[in-house]
Amino acid sequence: MVFRRVSHFSQQDKTPADGCFISSFITIHYSSKKGLIRPLIDSTLPLSRAAYAHERIANNQARGAIILIP
């Protein structure tokens, strides 16, 4: 999942084998460790509301990740 999102940041990269992909991943990793970028979390829901969470994602109503708590 992380690699798929990284590829969105570096669309000029043709394959994961070229060095740009790795350097993009390292840049994002260190930026997140320094607190310069953070994940966007829409909501936190109990696992019993997974169907509702899926519905929100499918209808493009979530503005970020929905975290399910067991």
C-alpha atoms as a PDB file:
ATOM      1  CA  MET A   1       0.000   0.000   0.000  1.00  0.00           C
ATOM      2  CA  VAL A   2       2.797   2.408   0.845  1.00  0.00           C
ATOM      3  CA  PHE A   3       4.601   1.669  -2.431  1.00  0.00           C
ATOM      4  CA  ARG A   4       1.417   2.275  -4.431  1.00  0.00           C
ATOM      5  CA  ARG A   5       1.008   5.688  -2.820  1.00  0.00           C
ATOM      6  CA  VAL A   6       4.690   6.515  -3.325  1.00  0.00           C
ATOM      7  CA  SER A   7       4.299   5.891  -7.040  1.00  0.00           C
ATOM      8  CA  HIS A   8       1.681   8.669  -7.091  1.00  0.00           C
ATOM      9  CA  PHE A   9       4.284  11.098  -5.779  1.00  0.00           C
ATOM     10  CA  SER A  10       6.809  10.169  -8.479  1.00  0.00           C
ATOM     11  CA  GLN A  11       4.863   9.602 -11.661  1.00  0.00           C
ATOM     12  CA  GLN A  12       7.904  10.235 -13.851  1.00  0.00           C
ATOM     13  CA  ASP A  13       9.421   6.984 -12.564  1.00  0.00           C
ATOM     14  CA  LYS A  14       9.063   4.173 -15.062  1.00  0.00           C
ATOM     15  CA  THR A  15       9.935   1.181 -12.878  1.00  0.00           C
ATOM     16  CA  PRO A  16      10.729   0.512  -9.217  1.00  0.00           C
ATOM     17  CA  ALA A  17      14.211  -0.529 -10.366  1.00  0.00           C
ATOM     18  CA  ASP A  18      15.373   2.982 -11.160  1.00  0.00           C
ATOM     19  CA  GLY A  19      16.873   4.996  -8.326  1.00  0.00           C
ATOM     20  CA  CYS A  20      14.192   7.702  -8.337  1.00  0.00           C
ATOM     21  CA  PHE A  21      11.614   5.367  -6.829  1.00  0.00           C
ATOM     22  CA  ILE A  22      13.886   4.496  -3.898  1.00  0.00           C
ATOM     23  CA  SER A  23      14.913   8.110  -3.327  1.00  0.00           C
ATOM     24  CA  SER A  24      11.230   9.174  -3.346  1.00  0.00           C
ATOM     25  CA  PHE A  25      10.404   6.513  -0.786  1.00  0.00           C
ATOM     26  CA  ILE A  26      13.323   7.553   1.444  1.00  0.00           C
ATOM     27  CA  THR A  27      12.303  11.222   1.209  1.00  0.00           C
ATOM     28  CA  ILE A  28       8.725  10.435   2.203  1.00  0.00           C
ATOM     29  CA  HIS A  29       9.886   8.143   5.015  1.00  0.00           C
ATOM     30  CA  TYR A  30      12.166  10.753   6.597  1.00  0.00           C
ATOM     31  CA  SER A  31       9.627  13.533   6.117  1.00  0.00           C
ATOM     32  CA  SER A  32       7.028  11.503   7.997  1.00  0.00           C
ATOM     33  CA  LYS A  33       9.499  10.691  10.788  1.00  0.00           C
ATOM     34  CA  LYS A  34      10.277  14.415  11.183  1.00  0.00           C
ATOM     35  CA  GLY A  35       6.564  15.230  11.319  1.00  0.00           C
ATOM     36  CA  LEU A  36       6.590  17.221   8.085  1.00  0.00           C
ATOM     37  CA  ILE A  37       3.854  15.030   6.585  1.00  0.00           C
ATOM     38  CA  ARG A  38       1.147  13.131   8.403  1.00  0.00           C
ATOM     39  CA  PRO A  39      -1.535  10.663   7.340  1.00  0.00           C
ATOM     40  CA  LEU A  40      -4.998  12.085   6.814  1.00  0.00           C
ATOM     41  CA  ILE A  41      -7.441  10.155   9.010  1.00  0.00           C
ATOM     42  CA  ASP A  42     -11.132  10.705   8.353  1.00  0.00           C
ATOM     43  CA  SER A  43     -12.538   8.730  11.266  1.00  0.00           C
ATOM     44  CA  THR A  44     -12.028   5.890  13.706  1.00  0.00           C
ATOM     45  CA  LEU A  45     -14.831   3.344  13.909  1.00  0.00           C
ATOM     46  CA  PRO A  46     -15.413   0.044  15.725  1.00  0.00           C
ATOM     47  CA  LEU A  47     -15.037  -3.085  13.598  1.00  0.00           C
ATOM     48  CA  SER A  48     -18.788  -3.686  13.890  1.00  0.00           C
ATOM     49  CA  ARG A  49     -19.295  -0.619  11.628  1.00  0.00           C
ATOM     50  CA  ALA A  50     -17.067  -1.930   8.810  1.00  0.00           C
ATOM     51  CA  ALA A  51     -19.981  -1.997   6.351  1.00  0.00           C
ATOM     52  CA  TYR A  52     -20.646   1.683   7.033  1.00  0.00           C
ATOM     53  CA  ALA A  53     -16.946   2.498   6.577  1.00  0.00           C
ATOM     54  CA  HIS A  54     -16.883   0.618   3.270  1.00  0.00           C
ATOM     55  CA  GLU A  55     -19.983   2.471   2.103  1.00  0.00           C
ATOM     56  CA  ARG A  56     -18.385   5.853   2.901  1.00  0.00           C
ATOM     57  CA  ILE A  57     -15.242   4.939   0.969  1.00  0.00           C
ATOM     58  CA  ALA A  58     -17.207   3.561  -1.995  1.00  0.00           C
ATOM     59  CA  ASN A  59     -19.306   6.743  -2.201  1.00  0.00           C
ATOM     60  CA  ASN A  60     -16.239   9.026  -1.919  1.00  0.00           C
ATOM     61  CA  GLN A  61     -17.494  10.503   1.345  1.00  0.00           C
ATOM     62  CA  ALA A  62     -14.314   9.819   3.333  1.00  0.00           C
ATOM     63  CA  ARG A  63     -11.620  12.486   3.244  1.00  0.00           C
ATOM     64  CA  GLY A  64      -8.758  10.248   4.324  1.00  0.00           C
ATOM     65  CA  ALA A  65      -8.324   6.850   5.899  1.00  0.00           C
ATOM     66  CA  ILE A  66     -10.973   5.215   8.023  1.00  0.00           C
ATOM     67  CA  ILE A  67      -9.434   3.256  10.886  1.00  0.00           C
ATOM     68  CA  LEU A  68     -11.311   0.190  12.173  1.00  0.00           C
ATOM     69  CA  ILE A  69     -10.743  -0.695  15.824  1.00  0.00           C
ATOM     70  CA  PRO A  70     -11.232  -4.382  16.780  1.00  0.00           C
END
